[in-house]
Amino acid sequence: MKRALAIADRAALVSLKLLVALNALFFLSFLIVLLLAAGKAHAEAPVCAGSDLLSALQKDDPATYAKIEAEAAATLNGKGLLWKLEKSGEKPSFLFGTMHVTDPRVTALPPAAQKAYDAAGTIIIETTDVLDKQKMMEAMLKEPELMMFTDDTTLSSLLSPKDAVVVNKGLDARGIPPASVSKMKPWLLSAMVALPVCEVARQAGGAPVLDVKLAQDAKANGKSVEGLETAASQLRAMASLPIAFHIKGLVDTLKLGDRVNDVNETMIALYQRGDTGTFWPLLRSIFPGEDDDAGYAEFDQTMITDRNKVMADHAAPILAKGNAFMAVGAMHLPGPGGLVEDFRKAGYTVTAVD
C-alpha cells in the first residue's frame, strides 16, 4: 500500500472518521455554534477551501481507489439519498439523507427530493429541539455531566505530556484558551475543532443547516413538523462512548489543523454523489486494521445502528398517516443496520429514487 501522505497525512484520515462520526449527531452542530459564537461576531463568513481526498487518491493510488470503489459498491443500500417508502393502505412517504451543514451545495435539494418535499404534508427530522433555543439550553442545563466534567477530572488530567502539548498548541491556534475548556468533555471539544471555520461562521451568522432549513420552510408553509429523538438522547449517546476514544479523536483532529477543510470537502463531494456507502471503505482501505477499529465499531453501534432502531420505531406512527418526508443524516441510510433495511423489515417496499 502506498503511503497516504501523497494525498493526506494520517491525521487527515482520522479526522475524516471523526467528522463522519460527528455528522451523525444532528444536535451537535447547534451546541458547538452556541459555544463558539457566543463571544464572536462574524461580519463575513470566510471562504471555504479544501481538496477532495478521494479524487486525489484516484489519481495517486488507483489500486487503493479501485478497492474502495468495490467495497462501496458491495455496501447494502450504499448509493442514493432519496428513497420511496410504500406500504399497502398508506400514501407513499420518502426517506432522505441529509448532511448537517450550511454549505449551499448541500442545502439546495436535488430536483427529485425537492419535488417529494414540496408534496409532503409532514416533515420529519431527527429532533425538533433545535428549532427552539430555549429547549436546547434546557437540555444542556438538565444534564451538565454530558458535556462537562462535574468531578475533579480535567482535560489535562487525561492527556499524556506529549498529547497535552498537541492539544494546547492546537487550541491556541484556534483562539481557544486551554484553561477555558479544561472541564469540557473531549468529544465536545473535538467537535469544536473539527468544524471548518467557514461553517462555524455561516451558522453563527444565522445560516441554517439543511435539516433546520427543511423544518423552518415547512413551518412557514403550514406543514406539520415532527421529531424522532430529543437533544438529550443524542447527547447521551455520544457521551456514552469510551473516554479514550474521544481523547484520541481530539488529539488527532488538532494535529490536522487547517486541513480540516480537506476533510469537509471530501464529505461534501461524497454526499453530492449520494455515495453514502463510501465513507467507511475509504477509511478502512487506507488504514486497514488500525488500532482504533474497536472504538469505531462501538461508535457505529451506538451512534448509528442503535439510534436507527429508535428512529424507525418513532417514525412508524407518523409514516402510517402517509405523505411524509423524513430527513435524517445520510449516515443512517446504508448497511444491514441502516434505516433503508429497517423500513423494509417493517413491511415497506423501499426504492431508491434517482
Protein backbone atom coordinates (compact mmCIF):
# COMPACT_ATOMS: atom_id res chain seq x y z
CA MET A 1 0.00 0.00 0.00
CA LYS A 2 1.36 3.37 -0.91
CA ARG A 3 1.73 5.85 1.90
CA ALA A 4 -1.29 8.08 2.18
CA LEU A 5 0.96 11.09 2.67
CA ALA A 6 0.67 11.77 -1.07
CA ILE A 7 -2.95 12.76 -0.54
CA ALA A 8 -3.38 13.31 3.21
CA ASP A 9 -1.48 12.61 6.39
CA ARG A 10 -2.74 10.15 8.97
CA ALA A 11 -4.41 12.90 10.98
CA ALA A 12 -6.49 13.90 7.96
CA LEU A 13 -7.94 10.42 7.63
CA VAL A 14 -8.52 10.02 11.36
CA SER A 15 -10.29 13.36 11.34
CA LEU A 16 -12.38 12.21 8.41
CA LYS A 17 -13.51 9.41 10.72
CA LEU A 18 -14.28 11.94 13.42
CA LEU A 19 -16.19 14.26 11.13
CA VAL A 20 -18.19 11.34 9.77
CA ALA A 21 -18.94 10.39 13.35
CA LEU A 22 -19.92 13.87 14.41
CA ASN A 23 -22.17 14.29 11.41
CA ALA A 24 -24.28 11.51 12.86
CA LEU A 25 -25.25 13.81 15.73
CA PHE A 26 -27.66 16.42 14.45
CA PHE A 27 -27.88 18.41 17.69
CA LEU A 28 -24.13 18.78 17.96
CA SER A 29 -23.63 21.49 15.36
CA PHE A 30 -26.02 23.81 17.17
CA LEU A 31 -24.39 23.21 20.50
CA ILE A 32 -20.96 23.95 19.07
CA VAL A 33 -22.10 27.17 17.43
CA LEU A 34 -23.62 28.33 20.71
CA LEU A 35 -20.27 27.77 22.40
CA LEU A 36 -18.01 29.16 19.70
CA ALA A 37 -20.13 32.05 18.51
CA ALA A 38 -21.11 33.41 21.92
CA GLY A 39 -18.33 35.96 22.04
CA LYS A 40 -17.52 36.30 18.36
CA ALA A 41 -19.09 38.39 15.63
CA HIS A 42 -18.59 37.20 12.06
CA ALA A 43 -19.19 40.10 9.73
CA GLU A 44 -18.45 37.94 6.73
CA ALA A 45 -18.02 34.20 6.58
CA PRO A 46 -14.58 33.19 5.29
CA VAL A 47 -14.45 31.33 2.01
CA CYS A 48 -14.32 27.56 2.43
CA ALA A 49 -11.32 25.87 0.85
CA GLY A 50 -10.29 22.27 0.58
CA SER A 51 -9.49 19.36 -1.70
CA ASP A 52 -11.37 16.11 -2.25
CA LEU A 53 -9.11 13.42 -0.76
CA LEU A 54 -10.78 10.61 -2.69
CA SER A 55 -10.22 12.31 -6.04
CA ALA A 56 -6.57 12.72 -5.15
CA LEU A 57 -6.38 9.06 -4.22
CA GLN A 58 -7.90 8.06 -7.57
CA LYS A 59 -5.04 9.83 -9.30
CA ASP A 60 -2.16 8.89 -6.99
CA ASP A 61 -3.09 5.34 -5.98
CA PRO A 62 -5.59 3.81 -8.44
CA ALA A 63 -5.31 0.32 -6.92
CA THR A 64 -6.44 1.51 -3.49
CA TYR A 65 -9.10 3.65 -5.10
CA ALA A 66 -10.44 0.61 -7.00
CA LYS A 67 -10.57 -1.37 -3.74
CA ILE A 68 -12.59 1.37 -2.10
CA GLU A 69 -14.99 1.57 -5.02
CA ALA A 70 -15.52 -2.20 -4.98
CA GLU A 71 -16.25 -2.28 -1.26
CA ALA A 72 -18.55 0.71 -1.55
CA ALA A 73 -20.44 -0.95 -4.41
CA ALA A 74 -20.94 -4.01 -2.20
CA THR A 75 -22.36 -1.92 0.67
CA LEU A 76 -26.05 -2.63 1.08
CA ASN A 77 -28.09 0.42 0.06
CA GLY A 78 -24.87 2.42 -0.22
CA LYS A 79 -25.92 4.57 -3.16
CA GLY A 80 -28.64 7.20 -3.09
CA LEU A 81 -30.02 9.91 -0.84
CA LEU A 82 -33.75 9.68 -1.64
CA TRP A 83 -35.83 6.55 -1.03
CA LYS A 84 -39.56 5.99 -1.56
CA LEU A 85 -41.44 4.17 1.21
CA GLU A 86 -44.56 2.28 0.15
CA LYS A 87 -46.93 0.06 2.14
CA SER A 88 -50.44 -1.18 1.36
CA GLY A 89 -53.08 1.11 2.81
CA GLU A 90 -50.75 4.10 3.22
CA LYS A 91 -49.92 7.02 1.00
CA PRO A 92 -46.24 6.83 -0.05
CA SER A 93 -43.65 8.68 2.01
CA PHE A 94 -39.99 9.46 1.39
CA LEU A 95 -36.75 8.96 3.30
CA PHE A 96 -33.97 11.46 2.55
CA GLY A 97 -30.37 11.55 3.76
CA THR A 98 -29.03 14.92 4.89
CA MET A 99 -25.69 16.39 5.86
CA HIS A 100 -25.79 18.66 8.91
CA VAL A 101 -24.05 21.66 7.33
CA THR A 102 -24.94 25.00 5.77
CA ASP A 103 -22.94 24.60 2.55
CA PRO A 104 -25.11 25.78 -0.39
CA ARG A 105 -24.18 22.65 -2.35
CA VAL A 106 -25.90 20.65 0.38
CA THR A 107 -28.84 22.89 1.28
CA ALA A 108 -30.07 23.02 -2.33
CA LEU A 109 -32.14 19.84 -2.66
CA PRO A 110 -31.80 17.68 -5.76
CA PRO A 111 -34.87 18.06 -8.04
CA ALA A 112 -36.46 14.72 -7.10
CA ALA A 113 -36.03 15.40 -3.39
CA GLN A 114 -37.40 18.92 -3.78
CA LYS A 115 -40.48 17.55 -5.53
CA ALA A 116 -41.08 14.98 -2.79
CA TYR A 117 -40.53 17.58 -0.08
CA ASP A 118 -42.91 20.08 -1.68
CA ALA A 119 -45.67 17.48 -1.98
CA ALA A 120 -45.33 16.14 1.59
CA GLY A 121 -47.81 17.06 4.30
CA THR A 122 -45.46 16.21 7.18
CA ILE A 123 -41.73 16.79 7.52
CA ILE A 124 -39.79 14.59 9.95
CA ILE A 125 -36.31 15.48 11.26
CA GLU A 126 -34.11 13.91 13.91
CA THR A 127 -35.02 16.32 16.69
CA THR A 128 -37.22 19.40 16.75
CA ASP A 129 -35.42 20.66 19.87
CA VAL A 130 -33.04 22.51 17.54
CA LEU A 131 -35.90 24.77 16.46
CA ASP A 132 -36.20 26.19 19.97
CA LYS A 133 -33.09 27.70 21.57
CA GLN A 134 -34.70 27.58 24.99
CA LYS A 135 -35.16 23.82 24.67
CA MET A 136 -31.54 23.48 23.64
CA MET A 137 -30.39 25.38 26.71
CA GLU A 138 -32.70 23.38 28.95
CA ALA A 139 -31.28 20.13 27.58
CA MET A 140 -27.76 21.28 28.44
CA LEU A 141 -28.62 22.54 31.91
CA LYS A 142 -30.55 19.44 32.99
CA GLU A 143 -27.63 17.08 32.38
CA PRO A 144 -24.41 19.09 32.52
CA GLU A 145 -22.37 15.91 33.03
CA LEU A 146 -22.97 15.05 29.38
CA MET A 147 -20.78 17.94 28.33
CA MET A 148 -18.64 18.87 31.33
CA PHE A 149 -16.60 17.09 33.97
CA THR A 150 -18.56 17.59 37.18
CA ASP A 151 -15.96 15.95 39.43
CA ASP A 152 -12.26 16.68 39.90
CA THR A 153 -11.37 15.46 36.41
CA THR A 154 -9.91 17.94 33.94
CA LEU A 155 -8.97 17.50 30.32
CA SER A 156 -5.27 17.81 31.10
CA SER A 157 -5.50 15.00 33.67
CA LEU A 158 -6.47 12.63 30.83
CA LEU A 159 -3.66 13.64 28.47
CA SER A 160 -0.14 12.31 28.25
CA PRO A 161 2.54 15.05 28.34
CA LYS A 162 3.05 14.61 24.59
CA ASP A 163 -0.66 14.85 23.82
CA ALA A 164 -1.03 17.82 26.14
CA VAL A 165 1.46 19.75 24.02
CA VAL A 166 -0.51 18.94 20.87
CA VAL A 167 -3.82 19.92 22.44
CA ASN A 168 -2.61 23.19 23.95
CA LYS A 169 -0.87 24.24 20.74
CA GLY A 170 -3.88 23.32 18.63
CA LEU A 171 -6.33 25.16 20.86
CA ASP A 172 -4.13 28.26 20.90
CA ALA A 173 -4.07 28.21 17.10
CA ARG A 174 -7.87 28.17 17.12
CA GLY A 175 -8.03 31.09 19.53
CA ILE A 176 -9.38 28.90 22.34
CA PRO A 177 -7.52 29.38 25.66
CA PRO A 178 -6.86 25.84 27.00
CA ALA A 179 -7.80 26.92 30.54
CA SER A 180 -11.25 27.98 29.34
CA VAL A 181 -12.12 24.43 28.23
CA SER A 182 -10.35 22.43 30.94
CA LYS A 183 -13.64 20.99 32.25
CA MET A 184 -15.17 20.31 28.84
CA LYS A 185 -15.69 16.71 27.74
CA PRO A 186 -13.25 15.82 24.92
CA TRP A 187 -15.97 14.79 22.46
CA LEU A 188 -17.48 18.26 22.64
CA LEU A 189 -14.11 19.93 22.24
CA SER A 190 -13.31 17.64 19.29
CA ALA A 191 -16.45 18.84 17.57
CA MET A 192 -15.44 22.45 18.10
CA VAL A 193 -12.16 21.99 16.28
CA ALA A 194 -13.45 19.58 13.62
CA LEU A 195 -15.84 22.09 12.10
CA PRO A 196 -14.26 24.29 9.41
CA VAL A 197 -14.07 27.95 10.37
CA CYS A 198 -16.25 28.87 7.40
CA GLU A 199 -19.00 26.51 8.58
CA VAL A 200 -18.96 27.89 12.12
CA ALA A 201 -19.08 31.43 10.73
CA ARG A 202 -22.07 30.68 8.49
CA GLN A 203 -24.01 29.09 11.32
CA ALA A 204 -23.09 31.90 13.71
CA GLY A 205 -24.38 34.32 11.10
CA GLY A 206 -27.76 32.60 11.10
CA ALA A 207 -27.47 30.26 8.12
CA PRO A 208 -29.41 27.05 8.88
CA VAL A 209 -28.05 23.57 8.29
CA LEU A 210 -30.07 21.55 5.78
CA ASP A 211 -32.26 19.76 8.34
CA VAL A 212 -33.28 23.00 10.05
CA LYS A 213 -33.89 24.72 6.73
CA LEU A 214 -36.28 21.95 5.76
CA ALA A 215 -38.13 22.24 9.07
CA GLN A 216 -38.27 26.04 9.03
CA ASP A 217 -39.52 26.16 5.44
CA ALA A 218 -42.11 23.53 6.30
CA LYS A 219 -43.46 25.52 9.22
CA ALA A 220 -43.59 28.66 7.08
CA ASN A 221 -45.71 26.76 4.56
CA GLY A 222 -48.10 25.32 7.13
CA LYS A 223 -46.72 21.79 7.11
CA SER A 224 -46.53 19.63 10.21
CA VAL A 225 -43.00 19.06 11.59
CA GLU A 226 -42.20 16.03 13.76
CA GLY A 227 -39.05 14.87 15.58
CA LEU A 228 -37.74 11.38 16.30
CA GLU A 229 -35.35 12.00 19.21
CA THR A 230 -34.58 14.55 21.89
CA ALA A 231 -31.42 16.60 22.07
CA ALA A 232 -30.66 14.93 25.39
CA SER A 233 -30.86 11.44 23.93
CA GLN A 234 -28.40 12.39 21.20
CA LEU A 235 -26.01 13.87 23.76
CA ARG A 236 -26.25 10.75 25.95
CA ALA A 237 -25.34 8.54 23.02
CA MET A 238 -22.15 10.44 22.22
CA ALA A 239 -21.19 10.83 25.88
CA SER A 240 -21.60 7.07 26.44
CA LEU A 241 -18.62 6.18 24.25
CA PRO A 242 -15.25 5.42 25.93
CA ILE A 243 -13.26 8.43 27.05
CA ALA A 244 -10.13 7.03 25.37
CA PHE A 245 -11.93 7.07 22.02
CA HIS A 246 -12.75 10.74 22.46
CA ILE A 247 -9.26 11.69 23.66
CA LYS A 248 -7.68 10.08 20.60
CA GLY A 249 -10.14 11.87 18.33
CA LEU A 250 -9.35 15.22 19.91
CA VAL A 251 -5.59 14.83 19.64
CA ASP A 252 -5.67 13.59 16.05
CA THR A 253 -8.02 16.34 14.95
CA LEU A 254 -5.86 19.07 16.45
CA LYS A 255 -2.88 17.61 14.59
CA LEU A 256 -4.84 18.18 11.40
CA GLY A 257 -5.06 21.96 11.76
CA ASP A 258 -6.40 23.80 8.72
CA ARG A 259 -6.60 20.59 6.69
CA VAL A 260 -10.00 20.03 8.24
CA ASN A 261 -11.11 21.84 5.09
CA ASP A 262 -9.98 18.83 3.01
CA VAL A 263 -11.95 16.51 5.27
CA ASN A 264 -15.06 18.66 4.93
CA GLU A 265 -14.68 18.89 1.16
CA THR A 266 -14.33 15.12 0.86
CA MET A 267 -17.54 14.52 2.79
CA ILE A 268 -19.45 17.05 0.70
CA ALA A 269 -18.17 15.53 -2.54
CA LEU A 270 -19.29 12.05 -1.45
CA TYR A 271 -22.63 13.41 -0.31
CA GLN A 272 -23.29 15.20 -3.59
CA ARG A 273 -22.80 11.92 -5.41
CA GLY A 274 -25.04 10.08 -2.97
CA ASP A 275 -22.15 7.76 -2.11
CA THR A 276 -23.24 7.03 1.44
CA GLY A 277 -21.60 3.62 1.33
CA THR A 278 -18.14 5.02 0.57
CA PHE A 279 -17.32 6.67 3.90
CA TRP A 280 -16.08 3.63 5.80
CA PRO A 281 -14.48 1.77 2.85
CA LEU A 282 -12.35 4.86 2.22
CA LEU A 283 -11.06 4.78 5.77
CA ARG A 284 -10.62 1.02 6.05
CA SER A 285 -8.71 0.74 2.77
CA ILE A 286 -6.19 3.41 3.63
CA PHE A 287 -5.64 2.27 7.21
CA PRO A 288 -6.63 -1.41 7.40
CA GLY A 289 -6.65 -2.96 10.87
CA GLU A 290 -5.55 0.17 12.70
CA ASP A 291 -5.74 0.03 16.46
CA ASP A 292 -8.87 2.11 16.92
CA ASP A 293 -11.14 -0.15 14.87
CA ALA A 294 -12.85 -1.38 18.05
CA GLY A 295 -13.65 2.19 19.05
CA TYR A 296 -15.26 2.97 15.72
CA ALA A 297 -17.18 -0.30 15.77
CA GLU A 298 -18.63 0.76 19.11
CA PHE A 299 -19.36 4.18 17.68
CA ASP A 300 -21.16 2.64 14.73
CA GLN A 301 -23.30 0.51 17.02
CA THR A 302 -24.11 3.30 19.48
CA MET A 303 -24.45 6.30 17.20
CA ILE A 304 -25.85 4.68 14.07
CA THR A 305 -27.38 1.20 14.43
CA ASP A 306 -28.99 1.61 17.85
CA ARG A 307 -30.36 5.03 17.04
CA ASN A 308 -31.67 3.77 13.69
CA LYS A 309 -33.94 1.35 15.50
CA VAL A 310 -35.22 4.11 17.78
CA MET A 311 -35.85 6.43 14.85
CA ALA A 312 -37.62 3.73 12.83
CA ASP A 313 -39.88 2.91 15.78
CA HIS A 314 -40.73 6.55 16.44
CA ALA A 315 -41.32 7.23 12.75
CA ALA A 316 -43.75 4.32 12.36
CA PRO A 317 -46.96 6.06 13.55
CA ILE A 318 -46.10 9.21 11.59
CA LEU A 319 -45.41 7.31 8.38
CA ALA A 320 -48.61 5.34 8.86
CA LYS A 321 -50.51 8.56 8.21
CA GLY A 322 -48.78 8.77 4.82
CA ASN A 323 -47.34 11.55 2.69
CA ALA A 324 -44.34 12.28 4.94
CA PHE A 325 -40.81 13.39 4.09
CA MET A 326 -38.32 12.01 6.62
CA ALA A 327 -34.95 13.77 6.59
CA VAL A 328 -32.12 12.31 8.71
CA GLY A 329 -28.34 12.18 8.44
CA ALA A 330 -27.21 10.22 5.39
CA MET A 331 -25.03 8.01 7.60
CA HIS A 332 -28.24 6.43 8.87
CA LEU A 333 -29.31 5.06 5.47
CA PRO A 334 -26.88 2.34 4.27
CA GLY A 335 -25.85 -1.05 5.54
CA PRO A 336 -27.70 -4.03 7.03
CA GLY A 337 -28.48 -1.97 10.13
CA GLY A 338 -29.43 1.14 8.17
CA LEU A 339 -32.84 2.76 8.01
CA VAL A 340 -33.49 1.57 4.47
CA GLU A 341 -33.29 -2.03 5.70
CA ASP A 342 -35.10 -1.23 8.95
CA PHE A 343 -38.10 0.04 6.99
CA ARG A 344 -38.05 -2.99 4.72
CA LYS A 345 -38.19 -5.19 7.80
CA ALA A 346 -41.15 -3.10 8.95
CA GLY A 347 -43.07 -4.10 5.81
CA TYR A 348 -42.28 -1.22 3.47
CA THR A 349 -41.22 -1.51 -0.13
CA VAL A 350 -38.22 0.83 -0.21
CA THR A 351 -36.97 2.01 -3.59
CA ALA A 352 -34.14 4.38 -4.48
CA VAL A 353 -35.28 7.45 -6.40
CA ASP A 354 -32.90 8.96 -8.95
